[in-house]
Amino acid sequence: MRRAAFPSLWVACLCLAGCAVAEYPYPTAWDPLVPQPDSDCREFQGRFADRGERDDEPSKPSLTRELFGEFSDWENAATVQFGFPKQDVLEISVANDAGRLFVRTLRKDSGFACRGGRLIVRDGHWIAGYVMSGRQHVEVEVNRAGPHIIAQVEETAYGVMFVIFPVVGTARHWYRFQRLP
């Protein structure tokens, strides 16, 4: 009797598996995204405000958090600087009023890409919490739009809820950050 109950428990867990998709449209009030010619992305060199805006959220989202996750020092960040010290190398420096907080160096095709005039930064990390544990992949696609950069953030997470129920979720959000002098 006990053996028969065990497989049915697994079947019940699989039936309770979940999937969620959240996609938000590009905000119509923002400058339009104009297709750019393919480039080496050096036009994204410069400093940007770490706090920006998201059309569907009143709080000030952090560019650092979107790029490097919630376990980075995003709460103390004030600026994010993109630099290309060598060919095929992207250096992202995060700072506040007291100075530099940290620097991440990414290599082309393993941490970033440049396609169609867009800078694409990828990151993946493990997530562990009371409710969900698993893996999250984030792709931040940076576009130019007027005096801002627009970041389209695509997140995919998969794992287990309450250590039993498998879940998968994807989300796409749009963020806007001011270019600084």
Protein backbone atom coordinates (compact mmCIF):
# COMPACT_ATOMS: atom_id res chain seq x y z
CA MET A 1 0.00 0.00 0.00
CA ARG A 2 2.80 2.40 0.84
CA ARG A 3 4.53 1.81 -2.50
CA ALA A 4 1.39 2.71 -4.43
CA ALA A 5 0.99 6.02 -2.55
CA PHE A 6 4.54 7.19 -3.35
CA PRO A 7 4.18 7.40 -7.18
CA SER A 8 0.81 9.13 -6.82
CA LEU A 9 2.47 11.77 -4.62
CA TRP A 10 4.94 12.56 -7.42
CA VAL A 11 2.12 12.68 -9.97
CA ALA A 12 0.24 15.11 -7.72
CA CYS A 13 3.33 17.34 -7.41
CA LEU A 14 3.81 17.38 -11.17
CA CYS A 15 0.16 18.30 -11.66
CA LEU A 16 0.68 21.25 -9.31
CA ALA A 17 3.72 22.49 -11.28
CA GLY A 18 3.41 26.06 -12.43
CA CYS A 19 4.45 28.41 -15.18
CA ALA A 20 4.11 32.19 -15.24
CA VAL A 21 4.73 34.73 -18.00
CA ALA A 22 4.69 38.51 -17.54
CA GLU A 23 5.40 40.80 -20.50
CA TYR A 24 4.91 44.53 -20.33
CA PRO A 25 4.71 46.68 -23.48
CA TYR A 26 7.18 49.47 -24.25
CA PRO A 27 5.90 52.71 -22.65
CA THR A 28 4.39 54.94 -25.34
CA ALA A 29 5.33 58.14 -23.45
CA TRP A 30 9.07 57.39 -23.79
CA ASP A 31 11.23 58.33 -26.80
CA PRO A 32 10.82 55.69 -29.51
CA LEU A 33 13.50 53.06 -29.99
CA VAL A 34 15.14 53.64 -33.35
CA PRO A 35 16.90 50.74 -35.06
CA GLN A 36 20.65 51.40 -35.04
CA PRO A 37 23.31 50.11 -37.39
CA ASP A 38 25.45 47.27 -36.08
CA SER A 39 28.40 48.61 -34.10
CA ASP A 40 30.97 47.76 -31.44
CA CYS A 41 28.72 49.39 -28.77
CA ARG A 42 31.25 52.09 -27.89
CA GLU A 43 28.38 54.61 -28.11
CA PHE A 44 27.26 53.24 -24.73
CA GLN A 45 30.50 54.36 -23.03
CA GLY A 46 29.76 56.79 -20.25
CA ARG A 47 28.10 57.26 -16.89
CA PHE A 48 24.44 56.71 -16.13
CA ALA A 49 22.25 57.30 -13.11
CA ASP A 50 21.77 54.07 -11.18
CA ARG A 51 18.18 54.97 -10.27
CA GLY A 52 15.77 55.19 -13.15
CA GLU A 53 12.15 54.63 -13.89
CA ARG A 54 9.77 51.90 -14.89
CA ASP A 55 6.44 52.89 -16.40
CA ASP A 56 4.41 50.41 -14.36
CA GLU A 57 6.12 50.94 -10.98
CA PRO A 58 6.38 54.11 -8.85
CA SER A 59 9.67 53.16 -7.11
CA LYS A 60 13.07 54.04 -8.55
CA PRO A 61 14.58 50.81 -9.97
CA SER A 62 18.34 50.24 -9.86
CA LEU A 63 20.40 49.58 -13.00
CA THR A 64 22.99 47.80 -10.83
CA ARG A 65 20.36 45.44 -9.47
CA GLU A 66 19.07 44.65 -12.96
CA LEU A 67 22.60 43.96 -14.22
CA PHE A 68 24.02 42.04 -11.25
CA GLY A 69 21.12 40.84 -9.10
CA GLU A 70 19.82 41.49 -5.64
CA PHE A 71 22.99 40.31 -3.89
CA SER A 72 25.17 43.01 -5.47
CA ASP A 73 25.76 46.28 -3.59
CA TRP A 74 22.90 47.91 -5.53
CA GLU A 75 21.38 49.74 -2.54
CA ASN A 76 24.48 51.96 -2.24
CA ALA A 77 24.95 52.57 -5.98
CA ALA A 78 24.52 56.05 -7.46
CA THR A 79 26.12 55.67 -10.91
CA VAL A 80 26.94 52.95 -13.42
CA GLN A 81 29.69 53.46 -15.97
CA PHE A 82 30.21 51.42 -19.13
CA GLY A 83 33.72 51.34 -20.59
CA PHE A 84 35.52 49.37 -23.29
CA PRO A 85 39.20 49.31 -22.20
CA LYS A 86 40.10 46.70 -24.86
CA GLN A 87 38.46 45.19 -27.88
CA ASP A 88 35.86 42.58 -26.86
CA VAL A 89 35.98 43.65 -23.18
CA LEU A 90 33.23 45.54 -21.31
CA GLU A 91 34.01 47.04 -17.92
CA ILE A 92 31.07 48.05 -15.76
CA SER A 93 31.95 50.25 -12.79
CA VAL A 94 29.44 50.97 -10.02
CA ALA A 95 30.04 53.94 -7.71
CA ASN A 96 28.44 56.23 -5.17
CA ASP A 97 29.40 59.66 -3.77
CA ALA A 98 32.21 58.12 -1.67
CA GLY A 99 33.83 56.38 -4.66
CA ARG A 100 33.87 53.12 -6.56
CA LEU A 101 31.89 50.22 -5.04
CA PHE A 102 32.91 47.49 -7.48
CA VAL A 103 33.91 46.75 -11.06
CA ARG A 104 32.89 43.82 -13.24
CA THR A 105 34.80 42.91 -16.38
CA LEU A 106 32.89 40.94 -19.03
CA ARG A 107 34.18 39.31 -22.19
CA LYS A 108 32.34 39.42 -25.47
CA ASP A 109 30.13 36.38 -26.15
CA SER A 110 30.45 35.06 -22.58
CA GLY A 111 29.08 38.00 -20.57
CA PHE A 112 28.01 40.53 -23.16
CA ALA A 113 27.25 40.90 -26.84
CA CYS A 114 26.72 43.74 -29.26
CA ARG A 115 24.01 43.13 -31.85
CA GLY A 116 22.09 45.54 -34.02
CA GLY A 117 23.34 48.61 -32.16
CA ARG A 118 22.27 47.16 -28.81
CA LEU A 119 24.47 46.24 -25.85
CA ILE A 120 23.35 42.92 -24.33
CA VAL A 121 24.58 41.95 -20.85
CA ARG A 122 23.85 38.45 -19.52
CA ASP A 123 24.00 37.15 -15.97
CA GLY A 124 22.91 33.97 -14.24
CA HIS A 125 22.81 33.17 -10.57
CA TRP A 126 21.31 30.80 -8.05
CA ILE A 127 18.38 31.94 -5.96
CA ALA A 128 17.54 30.47 -2.58
CA GLY A 129 14.76 31.60 -0.35
CA TYR A 130 12.05 30.47 1.97
CA VAL A 131 9.51 30.04 -0.84
CA MET A 132 11.60 29.30 -3.95
CA SER A 133 15.02 27.93 -4.79
CA GLY A 134 16.47 27.57 -8.25
CA ARG A 135 18.33 29.35 -11.02
CA GLN A 136 17.71 32.74 -12.63
CA HIS A 137 19.00 33.95 -15.99
CA VAL A 138 18.83 37.65 -16.80
CA GLU A 139 19.48 39.37 -20.14
CA VAL A 140 19.63 43.17 -20.14
CA GLU A 141 19.37 44.69 -23.62
CA VAL A 142 20.48 48.34 -23.62
CA ASN A 143 19.23 50.73 -26.32
CA ARG A 144 19.73 54.45 -26.88
CA ALA A 145 16.71 56.77 -26.75
CA GLY A 146 17.28 60.52 -26.52
CA PRO A 147 19.20 61.50 -23.35
CA HIS A 148 18.52 58.07 -21.82
CA ILE A 149 19.37 54.46 -22.19
CA ILE A 150 16.50 52.03 -22.25
CA ALA A 151 17.03 48.64 -20.65
CA GLN A 152 14.78 45.78 -21.68
CA VAL A 153 15.22 43.17 -18.98
CA GLU A 154 14.24 39.55 -19.67
CA GLU A 155 14.29 37.22 -16.69
CA THR A 156 13.83 33.47 -16.69
CA ALA A 157 13.69 31.58 -13.42
CA TYR A 158 13.18 27.92 -12.78
CA GLY A 159 13.28 25.90 -9.63
CA VAL A 160 11.05 24.52 -6.92
CA MET A 161 8.56 26.16 -4.58
CA PHE A 162 8.41 24.87 -1.04
CA VAL A 163 11.01 22.26 -2.07
CA ILE A 164 8.31 20.23 -3.87
CA PHE A 165 6.54 22.05 -6.70
CA PRO A 166 8.49 22.72 -9.91
CA VAL A 167 7.97 26.22 -11.34
CA VAL A 168 9.17 28.21 -14.34
CA GLY A 169 8.61 31.91 -14.90
CA THR A 170 9.60 34.57 -17.40
CA ALA A 171 9.20 38.33 -17.28
CA ARG A 172 10.05 41.26 -19.54
CA HIS A 173 10.24 44.80 -18.15
CA TRP A 174 11.36 48.15 -19.58
CA TYR A 175 13.52 50.62 -17.63
CA ARG A 176 14.88 54.07 -18.46
CA PHE A 177 18.08 55.59 -17.02
CA GLN A 178 19.50 59.11 -17.49
CA ARG A 179 22.88 59.62 -19.15
CA LEU A 180 25.16 61.73 -16.92
CA PRO A 181 27.87 64.19 -17.96
